[in-house]
Amino acid sequence: MPLQAFLLVIVAGLIHAAWNIAAKKAGGDVRFATFTGLVMMVVWAPLGIWLGVDEVPRWGATEWSLVAASALLHTLYYIVLLRGYRKADLTVVYPL
């Protein structure tokens, strides 16, 4: 594996763990997840628009249903994760 790819994987893992630690310290607060979601949207939206401006108009019902299913699953994931952080220790919730 190239060193750059390895370092990207390590950095991504550290960012993921740091977000979960911050979410737990925030008490599993929905406002924290909303704020970080909005920040990520502002950061990544320009890239998404730039990459999708030609492709998205060609999407049909299948593609949009997959986007909707993904959004639903991610929303449920965040709800369960934050509820878990409100009720249990990080070392219990994070590995699950």
Protein backbone atom coordinates (compact mmCIF):
# COMPACT_ATOMS: atom_id res chain seq x y z
CA MET A 1 0.00 0.00 0.00
CA PRO A 2 1.39 3.43 -0.87
CA LEU A 3 2.37 5.55 2.13
CA GLN A 4 -0.07 8.31 1.17
CA ALA A 5 -3.00 5.89 1.10
CA PHE A 6 -1.97 4.45 4.47
CA LEU A 7 -1.72 7.92 5.99
CA LEU A 8 -5.15 8.86 4.62
CA VAL A 9 -6.65 5.78 6.26
CA ILE A 10 -4.98 6.62 9.59
CA VAL A 11 -6.09 10.27 9.47
CA ALA A 12 -9.65 9.26 8.55
CA GLY A 13 -9.73 6.85 11.50
CA LEU A 14 -8.46 9.52 13.87
CA ILE A 15 -11.04 12.04 12.64
CA HIS A 16 -13.79 9.43 13.02
CA ALA A 17 -12.72 8.59 16.57
CA ALA A 18 -12.35 12.27 17.49
CA TRP A 19 -15.88 13.03 16.25
CA ASN A 20 -17.30 10.19 18.35
CA ILE A 21 -15.40 11.34 21.44
CA ALA A 22 -16.68 14.89 20.89
CA ALA A 23 -20.24 13.57 20.41
CA LYS A 24 -20.02 11.69 23.70
CA LYS A 25 -18.59 14.73 25.51
CA ALA A 26 -21.48 16.77 24.09
CA GLY A 27 -23.76 14.33 25.88
CA GLY A 28 -25.21 12.83 22.73
CA ASP A 29 -26.86 16.16 22.02
CA VAL A 30 -28.76 16.44 18.74
CA ARG A 31 -27.54 20.03 18.39
CA PHE A 32 -23.95 18.76 18.18
CA ALA A 33 -24.81 16.32 15.38
CA THR A 34 -26.80 19.01 13.56
CA PHE A 35 -23.96 21.53 13.85
CA THR A 36 -21.30 19.11 12.64
CA GLY A 37 -23.57 17.96 9.81
CA LEU A 38 -24.07 21.55 8.67
CA VAL A 39 -20.33 22.24 8.86
CA MET A 40 -19.59 19.15 6.76
CA MET A 41 -22.25 20.20 4.26
CA VAL A 42 -20.64 23.63 3.87
CA VAL A 43 -17.20 22.04 3.50
CA TRP A 44 -18.19 19.32 0.99
CA ALA A 45 -21.07 20.94 -0.93
CA PRO A 46 -18.83 22.82 -3.37
CA LEU A 47 -17.07 19.59 -4.33
CA GLY A 48 -20.38 17.76 -4.64
CA ILE A 49 -21.80 20.47 -6.86
CA TRP A 50 -18.67 20.58 -8.99
CA LEU A 51 -18.59 16.80 -9.47
CA GLY A 52 -22.35 16.34 -9.81
CA VAL A 53 -23.37 19.22 -12.05
CA ASP A 54 -23.20 17.05 -15.18
CA GLU A 55 -24.21 13.70 -13.68
CA VAL A 56 -27.14 14.43 -11.33
CA PRO A 57 -29.54 15.63 -14.08
CA ARG A 58 -29.27 12.16 -15.64
CA TRP A 59 -30.37 10.39 -12.46
CA GLY A 60 -33.60 8.43 -12.50
CA ALA A 61 -35.87 6.96 -9.88
CA THR A 62 -33.36 4.25 -8.92
CA GLU A 63 -30.59 6.71 -8.09
CA TRP A 64 -32.87 9.04 -6.15
CA SER A 65 -34.39 6.14 -4.20
CA LEU A 66 -30.87 5.03 -3.23
CA VAL A 67 -30.08 8.59 -2.07
CA ALA A 68 -33.30 8.64 -0.02
CA ALA A 69 -32.56 5.21 1.49
CA SER A 70 -29.03 6.31 2.38
CA ALA A 71 -30.35 9.49 4.03
CA LEU A 72 -32.89 7.49 6.04
CA LEU A 73 -30.29 4.97 7.19
CA HIS A 74 -27.82 7.69 8.18
CA THR A 75 -30.51 9.55 10.12
CA LEU A 76 -31.49 6.40 12.01
CA TYR A 77 -27.81 5.67 12.67
CA TYR A 78 -27.24 9.12 14.20
CA ILE A 79 -30.39 8.88 16.32
CA VAL A 80 -29.37 5.49 17.71
CA LEU A 81 -25.73 6.54 18.18
CA LEU A 82 -26.57 9.75 20.04
CA ARG A 83 -29.18 7.99 22.17
CA GLY A 84 -26.54 5.40 23.03
CA TYR A 85 -24.07 8.12 24.02
CA ARG A 86 -26.70 9.63 26.34
CA LYS A 87 -27.30 6.29 28.07
CA ALA A 88 -23.99 4.40 28.09
CA ASP A 89 -20.25 4.78 28.18
CA LEU A 90 -18.25 5.54 25.03
CA THR A 91 -16.39 2.24 25.34
CA VAL A 92 -19.72 0.40 25.10
CA VAL A 93 -21.44 2.41 22.36
CA TYR A 94 -18.52 3.20 20.02
CA PRO A 95 -17.53 -0.41 19.24
CA LEU A 96 -21.17 -1.35 18.60
